[in-house]
């Protein structure tokens, strides 16, 4: 909905002819850093919608995926599920490079991180009677390299760092810390000119 508003606003205010809408899947490796525990890697499929050059060399991206991490077998059938939904500003860091087949950008933004802890497929109920599921805000920052071998198709490599403000020592104890997710992946984008 927010991205729809951005699209309509840019069209109404007469943005340049080089605005493009990109839609496509990405396949990434995600490492979870949770309460100072060992990282756990996971490959997952996610999706992204991007609007490039809303302002020259600056665009917006809306991204989402669903992640789940299994605990070590000796701990039992515990699973942590995360659903990050990020909105980022993307900055072209090589604006002087006028090649249409290469774009290198950095991005930063905010996100909503829906997460929950499961035991044997059910949300864990804490001794206080509260459920171990939250919606937290977080920060994302990263870099992307996009190659466009064909005019309307792009192949991207991205690495991003997600910092989730998830600490709640009153609910989860004093050893609860903010969660972090490190992402490395490749995606394919289908690029459509808006004008």
N, C-alpha and C. Protein backbone atom coordinates (compact mmCIF):
# COMPACT_ATOMS: atom_id res chain seq x y z
N UNK A 1 0.82 -1.19 0.00
CA UNK A 1 0.00 0.00 0.00
C UNK A 1 0.87 1.25 0.00
N UNK A 2 1.92 1.23 0.83
CA UNK A 2 2.83 2.37 0.89
C UNK A 2 3.54 2.54 -0.44
N UNK A 3 3.97 1.43 -1.04
CA UNK A 3 4.64 1.50 -2.33
C UNK A 3 3.69 2.03 -3.40
N UNK A 4 2.42 1.64 -3.33
CA UNK A 4 1.44 2.16 -4.28
C UNK A 4 1.33 3.67 -4.16
N UNK A 5 1.35 4.16 -2.92
CA UNK A 5 1.30 5.61 -2.70
C UNK A 5 2.52 6.31 -3.28
N UNK A 6 3.70 5.70 -3.13
CA UNK A 6 4.92 6.28 -3.68
C UNK A 6 4.82 6.33 -5.21
N UNK A 7 4.34 5.24 -5.80
CA UNK A 7 4.20 5.20 -7.26
C UNK A 7 3.26 6.29 -7.77
N UNK A 8 2.11 6.42 -7.14
CA UNK A 8 1.13 7.42 -7.56
C UNK A 8 1.69 8.83 -7.40
N UNK A 9 2.36 9.08 -6.26
CA UNK A 9 2.94 10.40 -6.01
C UNK A 9 3.97 10.76 -7.07
N UNK A 10 4.81 9.82 -7.43
CA UNK A 10 5.83 10.12 -8.44
C UNK A 10 5.21 10.38 -9.81
N UNK A 11 4.17 9.65 -10.13
CA UNK A 11 3.52 9.89 -11.41
C UNK A 11 2.79 11.22 -11.43
N UNK A 12 2.16 11.58 -10.32
CA UNK A 12 1.43 12.85 -10.25
C UNK A 12 2.36 14.05 -10.31
N UNK A 13 3.53 13.94 -9.70
CA UNK A 13 4.44 15.07 -9.67
C UNK A 13 5.39 15.10 -10.87
N UNK A 14 5.09 14.32 -11.90
CA UNK A 14 5.83 14.41 -13.16
C UNK A 14 7.28 14.02 -13.05
N UNK A 15 7.55 12.87 -12.49
CA UNK A 15 8.94 12.43 -12.39
C UNK A 15 9.48 12.12 -13.78
N UNK A 16 10.78 11.99 -13.85
CA UNK A 16 11.47 11.81 -15.12
C UNK A 16 11.09 10.54 -15.85
N UNK A 17 11.51 10.49 -17.12
CA UNK A 17 11.18 9.36 -17.97
C UNK A 17 11.93 8.10 -17.58
N UNK A 18 12.96 8.22 -16.76
CA UNK A 18 13.78 7.06 -16.46
C UNK A 18 13.31 6.30 -15.23
N UNK A 19 12.11 6.55 -14.75
CA UNK A 19 11.59 5.80 -13.62
C UNK A 19 11.23 4.39 -14.10
N UNK A 20 11.63 3.40 -13.32
CA UNK A 20 11.37 2.02 -13.67
C UNK A 20 10.81 1.29 -12.47
N UNK A 21 9.96 0.34 -12.73
CA UNK A 21 9.43 -0.54 -11.70
C UNK A 21 10.09 -1.90 -11.89
N UNK A 22 10.68 -2.42 -10.84
CA UNK A 22 11.32 -3.74 -10.90
C UNK A 22 10.61 -4.67 -9.94
N UNK A 23 10.31 -5.86 -10.41
CA UNK A 23 9.65 -6.87 -9.58
C UNK A 23 10.41 -8.18 -9.78
N UNK A 24 10.66 -8.89 -8.69
CA UNK A 24 11.31 -10.16 -8.89
C UNK A 24 11.65 -10.90 -7.62
N UNK A 25 11.94 -12.19 -7.76
CA UNK A 25 12.30 -13.02 -6.61
C UNK A 25 13.80 -12.95 -6.31
N UNK A 26 14.15 -13.26 -5.08
CA UNK A 26 15.56 -13.42 -4.74
C UNK A 26 15.74 -14.65 -3.86
N UNK A 27 16.88 -15.27 -4.00
CA UNK A 27 17.21 -16.49 -3.27
C UNK A 27 18.44 -16.18 -2.45
N UNK A 28 18.31 -16.18 -1.13
CA UNK A 28 19.38 -15.69 -0.28
C UNK A 28 19.69 -16.64 0.87
N UNK A 29 20.91 -16.51 1.33
CA UNK A 29 21.35 -17.20 2.54
C UNK A 29 21.22 -16.22 3.69
N UNK A 30 20.56 -16.64 4.76
CA UNK A 30 20.35 -15.80 5.92
C UNK A 30 21.02 -16.43 7.13
N UNK A 31 21.81 -15.65 7.85
CA UNK A 31 22.41 -16.10 9.10
C UNK A 31 21.75 -15.36 10.24
N UNK A 32 21.33 -16.09 11.23
CA UNK A 32 20.66 -15.50 12.39
C UNK A 32 21.63 -15.41 13.56
N UNK A 33 21.77 -14.22 14.13
CA UNK A 33 22.53 -14.00 15.35
C UNK A 33 21.50 -13.70 16.43
N UNK A 34 21.28 -14.65 17.31
CA UNK A 34 20.19 -14.53 18.27
C UNK A 34 20.70 -14.74 19.69
N UNK A 35 20.58 -13.71 20.52
CA UNK A 35 20.97 -13.79 21.94
C UNK A 35 22.38 -14.36 22.11
N UNK A 36 23.30 -13.88 21.27
CA UNK A 36 24.71 -14.28 21.33
C UNK A 36 24.91 -15.77 21.13
N UNK A 37 23.98 -16.44 20.48
CA UNK A 37 24.14 -17.86 20.18
C UNK A 37 24.89 -17.99 18.85
N UNK A 38 25.27 -19.22 18.53
CA UNK A 38 25.91 -19.46 17.24
C UNK A 38 24.95 -19.09 16.11
N UNK A 39 25.55 -18.67 15.00
CA UNK A 39 24.72 -18.33 13.84
C UNK A 39 24.16 -19.60 13.21
N UNK A 40 23.03 -19.44 12.60
CA UNK A 40 22.41 -20.54 11.89
C UNK A 40 22.08 -20.07 10.49
N UNK A 41 22.55 -20.78 9.50
CA UNK A 41 22.31 -20.39 8.13
C UNK A 41 21.04 -20.99 7.57
N UNK A 42 20.42 -20.28 6.65
CA UNK A 42 19.19 -20.75 6.04
C UNK A 42 19.06 -20.14 4.66
N UNK A 43 18.72 -20.95 3.66
CA UNK A 43 18.44 -20.43 2.33
C UNK A 43 16.94 -20.27 2.19
N UNK A 44 16.51 -19.13 1.67
CA UNK A 44 15.09 -18.88 1.50
C UNK A 44 14.82 -18.06 0.26
N UNK A 45 13.59 -18.12 -0.18
CA UNK A 45 13.14 -17.37 -1.34
C UNK A 45 12.30 -16.20 -0.85
N UNK A 46 12.58 -15.01 -1.37
CA UNK A 46 11.82 -13.82 -1.00
C UNK A 46 11.48 -13.03 -2.25
N UNK A 47 10.82 -11.91 -2.07
CA UNK A 47 10.43 -11.07 -3.19
C UNK A 47 10.74 -9.62 -2.94
N UNK A 48 10.84 -8.85 -4.02
CA UNK A 48 11.19 -7.44 -3.90
C UNK A 48 10.49 -6.67 -5.00
N UNK A 49 10.04 -5.48 -4.65
CA UNK A 49 9.50 -4.52 -5.61
C UNK A 49 10.36 -3.27 -5.46
N UNK A 50 10.86 -2.75 -6.57
CA UNK A 50 11.72 -1.56 -6.52
C UNK A 50 11.22 -0.52 -7.51
N UNK A 51 11.35 0.74 -7.14
CA UNK A 51 11.09 1.86 -8.03
C UNK A 51 12.39 2.64 -8.11
N UNK A 52 13.05 2.60 -9.25
CA UNK A 52 14.34 3.27 -9.43
C UNK A 52 14.16 4.70 -9.90
N UNK A 53 15.13 5.55 -9.56
CA UNK A 53 15.23 6.93 -10.06
C UNK A 53 13.99 7.77 -9.80
N UNK A 54 13.38 7.62 -8.63
CA UNK A 54 12.27 8.49 -8.25
C UNK A 54 12.79 9.92 -8.23
N UNK A 55 13.93 10.09 -7.62
CA UNK A 55 14.76 11.29 -7.72
C UNK A 55 16.00 10.78 -8.45
N UNK A 56 16.65 11.54 -9.30
CA UNK A 56 17.80 10.98 -10.02
C UNK A 56 18.77 10.25 -9.09
N UNK A 57 19.02 8.99 -9.41
CA UNK A 57 19.95 8.11 -8.70
C UNK A 57 19.47 7.65 -7.32
N UNK A 58 18.22 7.90 -6.99
CA UNK A 58 17.65 7.45 -5.71
C UNK A 58 16.32 6.76 -5.99
N UNK A 59 16.15 5.59 -5.41
CA UNK A 59 14.91 4.86 -5.58
C UNK A 59 14.45 4.26 -4.26
N UNK A 60 13.39 3.46 -4.33
CA UNK A 60 12.84 2.81 -3.15
C UNK A 60 12.65 1.32 -3.42
N UNK A 61 12.78 0.52 -2.37
CA UNK A 61 12.59 -0.92 -2.47
C UNK A 61 11.70 -1.39 -1.34
N UNK A 62 10.80 -2.28 -1.66
CA UNK A 62 9.96 -2.95 -0.67
C UNK A 62 10.24 -4.44 -0.80
N UNK A 63 10.64 -5.06 0.30
CA UNK A 63 11.11 -6.44 0.26
C UNK A 63 10.50 -7.25 1.38
N UNK A 64 10.24 -8.52 1.11
CA UNK A 64 9.73 -9.41 2.15
C UNK A 64 10.13 -10.85 1.90
N UNK A 65 10.19 -11.61 2.96
CA UNK A 65 10.47 -13.04 2.88
C UNK A 65 10.00 -13.70 4.17
N UNK A 66 10.03 -15.00 4.21
CA UNK A 66 9.70 -15.73 5.43
C UNK A 66 10.85 -16.66 5.74
N UNK A 67 11.37 -16.58 6.96
CA UNK A 67 12.52 -17.37 7.38
C UNK A 67 12.15 -18.24 8.56
N UNK A 68 12.72 -19.43 8.61
CA UNK A 68 12.53 -20.27 9.80
C UNK A 68 13.85 -20.97 10.10
N UNK A 69 14.17 -21.04 11.37
CA UNK A 69 15.42 -21.64 11.84
C UNK A 69 15.09 -22.73 12.85
N UNK A 70 15.62 -23.91 12.62
CA UNK A 70 15.43 -25.02 13.55
C UNK A 70 16.52 -24.96 14.62
N UNK A 71 16.15 -25.21 15.85
CA UNK A 71 17.13 -25.30 16.94
C UNK A 71 17.94 -26.58 16.78
N UNK A 72 19.11 -26.67 17.42
CA UNK A 72 19.87 -27.93 17.40
C UNK A 72 18.99 -29.08 17.93
N UNK A 73 19.14 -30.28 17.37
CA UNK A 73 18.26 -31.41 17.75
C UNK A 73 18.23 -31.71 19.24
N UNK A 74 19.35 -31.48 19.94
CA UNK A 74 19.38 -31.77 21.38
C UNK A 74 18.48 -30.84 22.19
N UNK A 75 18.07 -29.70 21.60
CA UNK A 75 17.18 -28.77 22.31
C UNK A 75 15.71 -29.12 22.11
N UNK A 76 15.43 -29.99 21.19
CA UNK A 76 14.03 -30.35 20.93
C UNK A 76 13.51 -29.68 19.67
N UNK A 77 12.23 -29.87 19.37
CA UNK A 77 11.65 -29.34 18.12
C UNK A 77 11.31 -27.84 18.20
N UNK A 78 12.31 -27.03 18.55
CA UNK A 78 12.12 -25.57 18.58
C UNK A 78 12.38 -25.00 17.19
N UNK A 79 11.59 -24.00 16.82
CA UNK A 79 11.76 -23.30 15.54
C UNK A 79 11.55 -21.82 15.79
N UNK A 80 12.42 -20.98 15.21
CA UNK A 80 12.23 -19.53 15.23
C UNK A 80 11.80 -19.11 13.85
N UNK A 81 10.70 -18.39 13.75
CA UNK A 81 10.21 -17.89 12.47
C UNK A 81 10.30 -16.37 12.43
N UNK A 82 10.81 -15.86 11.32
CA UNK A 82 10.94 -14.41 11.10
C UNK A 82 10.30 -14.08 9.77
N UNK A 83 9.57 -12.97 9.72
CA UNK A 83 9.04 -12.44 8.47
C UNK A 83 9.41 -10.97 8.40
N UNK A 84 10.57 -10.66 7.80
CA UNK A 84 10.95 -9.25 7.68
C UNK A 84 10.25 -8.59 6.49
N UNK A 85 9.77 -7.37 6.69
CA UNK A 85 9.17 -6.55 5.64
C UNK A 85 9.87 -5.20 5.70
N UNK A 86 10.73 -4.92 4.70
CA UNK A 86 11.57 -3.72 4.72
C UNK A 86 11.19 -2.73 3.64
N UNK A 87 11.32 -1.45 3.96
CA UNK A 87 11.22 -0.36 2.98
C UNK A 87 12.53 0.39 3.04
N UNK A 88 13.23 0.46 1.90
CA UNK A 88 14.57 1.04 1.86
C UNK A 88 14.66 2.13 0.80
N UNK A 89 15.55 3.07 1.04
CA UNK A 89 16.00 4.01 0.01
C UNK A 89 17.25 3.41 -0.61
N UNK A 90 17.34 3.45 -1.93
CA UNK A 90 18.47 2.88 -2.66
C UNK A 90 19.20 4.00 -3.38
N UNK A 91 20.52 4.11 -3.15
CA UNK A 91 21.33 5.19 -3.70
C UNK A 91 22.33 4.63 -4.71
N UNK A 92 22.26 5.10 -5.95
CA UNK A 92 23.21 4.70 -6.98
C UNK A 92 24.55 5.35 -6.65
N UNK A 93 25.58 4.55 -6.35
CA UNK A 93 26.85 5.14 -5.92
C UNK A 93 27.82 5.36 -7.08
N UNK A 94 27.41 5.00 -8.30
CA UNK A 94 28.22 5.27 -9.48
C UNK A 94 27.41 6.06 -10.52
N UNK A 95 26.88 7.25 -10.15
CA UNK A 95 26.03 7.97 -11.09
C UNK A 95 26.78 8.45 -12.33
N UNK A 96 28.08 8.60 -12.22
CA UNK A 96 28.88 9.06 -13.36
C UNK A 96 29.10 7.95 -14.39
N UNK A 97 28.85 6.71 -13.99
CA UNK A 97 28.99 5.56 -14.89
C UNK A 97 27.68 5.41 -15.66
N UNK A 98 27.69 5.77 -16.91
CA UNK A 98 26.46 5.82 -17.71
C UNK A 98 26.21 4.55 -18.49
N UNK A 99 26.56 3.41 -17.94
CA UNK A 99 26.30 2.15 -18.62
C UNK A 99 24.96 1.59 -18.14
N UNK A 100 24.07 1.25 -19.05
CA UNK A 100 22.76 0.75 -18.64
C UNK A 100 22.80 -0.67 -18.10
N UNK A 101 23.91 -1.38 -18.29
CA UNK A 101 23.98 -2.79 -17.90
C UNK A 101 24.55 -3.01 -16.50
N UNK A 102 25.02 -1.95 -15.83
CA UNK A 102 25.61 -2.09 -14.49
C UNK A 102 25.09 -1.01 -13.56
N UNK A 103 24.67 -1.42 -12.37
CA UNK A 103 24.26 -0.46 -11.33
C UNK A 103 24.76 -0.99 -10.00
N UNK A 104 25.47 -0.14 -9.27
CA UNK A 104 25.96 -0.47 -7.94
C UNK A 104 25.30 0.51 -6.98
N UNK A 105 24.62 -0.02 -5.97
CA UNK A 105 23.89 0.87 -5.06
C UNK A 105 24.06 0.41 -3.62
N UNK A 106 23.87 1.36 -2.73
CA UNK A 106 23.77 1.06 -1.31
C UNK A 106 22.36 1.41 -0.88
N UNK A 107 21.91 0.77 0.18
CA UNK A 107 20.55 1.03 0.63
C UNK A 107 20.48 1.04 2.14
N UNK A 108 19.52 1.77 2.61
CA UNK A 108 19.27 1.82 4.04
C UNK A 108 17.78 2.06 4.25
N UNK A 109 17.28 1.53 5.32
CA UNK A 109 15.86 1.71 5.57
C UNK A 109 15.41 1.07 6.87
N UNK A 110 14.11 1.04 7.03
CA UNK A 110 13.48 0.50 8.23
C UNK A 110 12.60 -0.67 7.85
N UNK A 111 12.29 -1.45 8.85
CA UNK A 111 11.43 -2.59 8.57
C UNK A 111 10.61 -3.00 9.77
N UNK A 112 9.60 -3.79 9.47
CA UNK A 112 8.82 -4.48 10.49
C UNK A 112 9.27 -5.93 10.46
N UNK A 113 9.53 -6.48 11.62
CA UNK A 113 9.99 -7.86 11.73
C UNK A 113 8.99 -8.63 12.59
N UNK A 114 8.25 -9.49 11.95
CA UNK A 114 7.29 -10.34 12.65
C UNK A 114 8.04 -11.62 13.00
N UNK A 115 8.06 -12.00 14.27
CA UNK A 115 8.75 -13.24 14.63
C UNK A 115 8.02 -13.94 15.75
N UNK A 116 8.30 -15.25 15.83
CA UNK A 116 7.70 -16.05 16.90
C UNK A 116 8.56 -17.29 17.13
N UNK A 117 8.43 -17.83 18.34
CA UNK A 117 9.13 -19.05 18.71
C UNK A 117 8.10 -20.17 18.80
N UNK A 118 8.43 -21.30 18.18
CA UNK A 118 7.51 -22.43 18.15
C UNK A 118 8.16 -23.64 18.82
N UNK A 119 7.33 -24.44 19.44
CA UNK A 119 7.78 -25.74 19.95
C UNK A 119 6.80 -26.77 19.42
N UNK A 120 7.31 -27.70 18.63
CA UNK A 120 6.48 -28.73 18.02
C UNK A 120 5.32 -28.13 17.23
N UNK A 121 5.60 -27.03 16.52
CA UNK A 121 4.61 -26.39 15.65
C UNK A 121 3.66 -25.43 16.32
N UNK A 122 3.73 -25.27 17.64
CA UNK A 122 2.84 -24.36 18.37
C UNK A 122 3.64 -23.22 18.96
N UNK A 123 3.02 -22.02 18.99
CA UNK A 123 3.69 -20.86 19.59
C UNK A 123 3.90 -21.12 21.07
N UNK A 124 5.10 -20.84 21.55
CA UNK A 124 5.44 -21.07 22.95
C UNK A 124 4.68 -20.10 23.84
N UNK A 125 4.10 -20.64 24.91
CA UNK A 125 3.44 -19.81 25.92
C UNK A 125 4.39 -19.72 27.11
N UNK A 126 4.75 -18.49 27.48
CA UNK A 126 5.69 -18.25 28.57
C UNK A 126 5.01 -18.48 29.92
N UNK A 127 5.79 -18.64 31.00
CA UNK A 127 5.19 -18.82 32.33
C UNK A 127 4.25 -17.69 32.73
N UNK A 128 4.45 -16.49 32.15
CA UNK A 128 3.57 -15.36 32.46
C UNK A 128 2.23 -15.44 31.73
N UNK A 129 2.10 -16.43 30.83
CA UNK A 129 0.88 -16.57 30.05
C UNK A 129 0.94 -15.86 28.70
N UNK A 130 2.01 -15.07 28.48
CA UNK A 130 2.16 -14.38 27.20
C UNK A 130 2.75 -15.32 26.16
N UNK A 131 2.45 -15.05 24.90
CA UNK A 131 2.99 -15.87 23.82
C UNK A 131 4.32 -15.29 23.34
N UNK A 132 5.20 -16.17 22.89
CA UNK A 132 6.51 -15.77 22.38
C UNK A 132 6.39 -15.40 20.91
N UNK A 133 5.70 -14.31 20.65
CA UNK A 133 5.58 -13.78 19.29
C UNK A 133 5.51 -12.26 19.39
N UNK A 134 6.19 -11.61 18.46
CA UNK A 134 6.34 -10.16 18.53
C UNK A 134 6.32 -9.55 17.13
N UNK A 135 6.08 -8.25 17.10
CA UNK A 135 6.29 -7.42 15.92
C UNK A 135 7.21 -6.31 16.35
N UNK A 136 8.43 -6.32 15.82
CA UNK A 136 9.44 -5.33 16.22
C UNK A 136 9.86 -4.51 15.02
N UNK A 137 10.41 -3.33 15.31
CA UNK A 137 10.98 -2.52 14.24
C UNK A 137 12.47 -2.82 14.15
N UNK A 138 13.04 -2.48 13.03
CA UNK A 138 14.46 -2.73 12.84
C UNK A 138 15.02 -1.86 11.75
N UNK A 139 16.32 -2.01 11.55
CA UNK A 139 17.07 -1.24 10.58
C UNK A 139 17.71 -2.20 9.59
N UNK A 140 17.80 -1.81 8.34
CA UNK A 140 18.49 -2.62 7.33
C UNK A 140 19.44 -1.73 6.55
N UNK A 141 20.60 -2.25 6.25
CA UNK A 141 21.58 -1.55 5.42
C UNK A 141 22.31 -2.56 4.57
N UNK A 142 22.70 -2.16 3.37
CA UNK A 142 23.40 -3.12 2.53
C UNK A 142 23.84 -2.53 1.20
N UNK A 143 24.28 -3.42 0.33
CA UNK A 143 24.78 -3.03 -0.99
C UNK A 143 24.27 -4.03 -2.02
N UNK A 144 24.07 -3.54 -3.25
CA UNK A 144 23.56 -4.36 -4.34
C UNK A 144 24.35 -4.06 -5.61
N UNK A 145 24.66 -5.11 -6.35
CA UNK A 145 25.26 -4.99 -7.68
C UNK A 145 24.28 -5.62 -8.66
N UNK A 146 23.85 -4.83 -9.64
CA UNK A 146 22.88 -5.31 -10.63
C UNK A 146 23.50 -5.32 -12.03
N UNK A 147 23.41 -6.46 -12.70
CA UNK A 147 23.82 -6.59 -14.10
C UNK A 147 22.57 -6.77 -14.94
N UNK A 148 22.51 -6.07 -16.08
CA UNK A 148 21.35 -6.18 -16.96
C UNK A 148 21.80 -6.70 -18.33
N UNK A 149 21.87 -8.03 -18.47
CA UNK A 149 22.27 -8.58 -19.77
C UNK A 149 21.23 -8.33 -20.85
N UNK A 150 19.97 -8.17 -20.44
CA UNK A 150 18.86 -7.88 -21.35
C UNK A 150 18.18 -6.63 -20.81
N UNK A 151 17.63 -5.82 -21.70
CA UNK A 151 17.08 -4.52 -21.31
C UNK A 151 16.10 -4.59 -20.14
N UNK A 152 15.24 -5.59 -20.14
CA UNK A 152 14.18 -5.67 -19.13
C UNK A 152 14.40 -6.75 -18.08
N UNK A 153 15.61 -7.28 -17.99
CA UNK A 153 15.93 -8.31 -17.00
C UNK A 153 17.23 -7.94 -16.30
N UNK A 154 17.22 -7.99 -14.98
CA UNK A 154 18.42 -7.72 -14.20
C UNK A 154 18.75 -8.88 -13.28
N UNK A 155 20.02 -9.14 -13.11
CA UNK A 155 20.50 -10.14 -12.16
C UNK A 155 21.22 -9.38 -11.06
N UNK A 156 20.84 -9.62 -9.81
CA UNK A 156 21.40 -8.85 -8.69
C UNK A 156 22.09 -9.75 -7.68
N UNK A 157 23.19 -9.23 -7.15
CA UNK A 157 23.80 -9.81 -5.96
C UNK A 157 23.64 -8.78 -4.85
N UNK A 158 23.15 -9.21 -3.71
CA UNK A 158 22.92 -8.29 -2.60
C UNK A 158 23.44 -8.86 -1.30
N UNK A 159 23.98 -7.97 -0.46
CA UNK A 159 24.27 -8.36 0.92
C UNK A 159 23.71 -7.26 1.81
N UNK A 160 23.03 -7.73 2.88
CA UNK A 160 22.34 -6.79 3.76
C UNK A 160 22.47 -7.25 5.21
N UNK A 161 22.41 -6.26 6.10
CA UNK A 161 22.46 -6.51 7.52
C UNK A 161 21.18 -5.98 8.13
N UNK A 162 20.45 -6.84 8.83
CA UNK A 162 19.20 -6.46 9.50
C UNK A 162 19.43 -6.45 11.00
N UNK A 163 19.12 -5.34 11.64
CA UNK A 163 19.23 -5.23 13.09
C UNK A 163 17.81 -5.05 13.64
N UNK A 164 17.39 -5.99 14.48
CA UNK A 164 16.01 -6.01 14.98
C UNK A 164 15.99 -5.58 16.45
N UNK A 165 15.22 -4.57 16.76
CA UNK A 165 15.10 -4.10 18.14
C UNK A 165 14.12 -5.02 18.88
N UNK A 166 14.61 -6.20 19.25
CA UNK A 166 13.74 -7.24 19.79
C UNK A 166 13.92 -7.50 21.28
N UNK A 167 14.84 -6.79 21.93
CA UNK A 167 15.10 -7.06 23.34
C UNK A 167 13.89 -6.72 24.21
N UNK A 168 13.53 -7.64 25.07
CA UNK A 168 12.49 -7.41 26.07
C UNK A 168 12.88 -8.22 27.31
N UNK A 169 13.72 -7.64 28.15
CA UNK A 169 14.24 -8.39 29.30
C UNK A 169 13.15 -8.70 30.32
N UNK A 170 12.08 -7.91 30.32
CA UNK A 170 11.00 -8.18 31.27
C UNK A 170 10.17 -9.40 30.86
N UNK A 171 10.14 -9.67 29.56
CA UNK A 171 9.36 -10.80 29.07
C UNK A 171 10.23 -12.05 28.88
N UNK A 172 11.48 -11.88 28.39
CA UNK A 172 12.30 -13.03 28.02
C UNK A 172 13.53 -13.24 28.90
N UNK A 173 13.79 -12.34 29.84
CA UNK A 173 14.92 -12.53 30.74
C UNK A 173 16.09 -11.62 30.42
N UNK A 174 17.05 -11.58 31.34
CA UNK A 174 18.17 -10.64 31.22
C UNK A 174 19.18 -11.01 30.14
N UNK A 175 19.18 -12.25 29.67
CA UNK A 175 20.12 -12.61 28.62
C UNK A 175 19.51 -12.40 27.22
N UNK A 176 18.34 -11.77 27.13
CA UNK A 176 17.73 -11.48 25.84
C UNK A 176 18.43 -10.28 25.21
N UNK A 177 18.85 -10.41 23.97
CA UNK A 177 19.48 -9.31 23.24
C UNK A 177 18.79 -9.11 21.91
N UNK A 178 19.11 -8.01 21.26
CA UNK A 178 18.54 -7.74 19.94
C UNK A 178 19.02 -8.79 18.95
N UNK A 179 18.13 -9.18 18.03
CA UNK A 179 18.48 -10.16 17.02
C UNK A 179 19.06 -9.46 15.80
N UNK A 180 19.92 -10.18 15.08
CA UNK A 180 20.54 -9.67 13.87
C UNK A 180 20.46 -10.74 12.79
N UNK A 181 20.25 -10.32 11.55
CA UNK A 181 20.20 -11.25 10.43
C UNK A 181 21.11 -10.72 9.33
N UNK A 182 22.03 -11.56 8.86
CA UNK A 182 22.94 -11.21 7.77
C UNK A 182 22.49 -11.96 6.52
N UNK A 183 22.31 -11.23 5.43
CA UNK A 183 21.76 -11.80 4.20
C UNK A 183 22.75 -11.67 3.05
N UNK A 184 22.93 -12.73 2.29
CA UNK A 184 23.70 -12.72 1.05
C UNK A 184 22.89 -13.49 0.02
N UNK A 185 22.68 -12.91 -1.15
CA UNK A 185 21.88 -13.64 -2.11
C UNK A 185 21.89 -13.09 -3.51
N UNK A 186 21.21 -13.82 -4.36
CA UNK A 186 21.11 -13.49 -5.78
C UNK A 186 19.64 -13.41 -6.14
N UNK A 187 19.30 -12.46 -6.99
CA UNK A 187 17.91 -12.32 -7.41
C UNK A 187 17.80 -11.99 -8.88
N UNK A 188 16.62 -12.19 -9.41
CA UNK A 188 16.31 -11.82 -10.79
C UNK A 188 15.20 -10.78 -10.74
N UNK A 189 15.36 -9.70 -11.51
CA UNK A 189 14.35 -8.66 -11.54
C UNK A 189 13.85 -8.46 -12.95
N UNK A 190 12.57 -8.25 -13.06
CA UNK A 190 11.95 -7.90 -14.33
C UNK A 190 11.65 -6.40 -14.26
N UNK A 191 12.26 -5.64 -15.17
CA UNK A 191 12.28 -4.18 -15.10
C UNK A 191 11.33 -3.62 -16.13
N UNK A 192 10.38 -2.81 -15.67
CA UNK A 192 9.35 -2.25 -16.55
C UNK A 192 9.44 -0.74 -16.52
N UNK A 193 9.56 -0.08 -17.67
CA UNK A 193 9.54 1.39 -17.66
C UNK A 193 8.13 1.88 -17.35
N UNK A 194 8.04 2.92 -16.53
CA UNK A 194 6.72 3.46 -16.19
C UNK A 194 6.24 4.49 -17.21
N UNK A 195 7.14 4.96 -18.06
CA UNK A 195 6.74 5.91 -19.10
C UNK A 195 7.36 5.52 -20.40
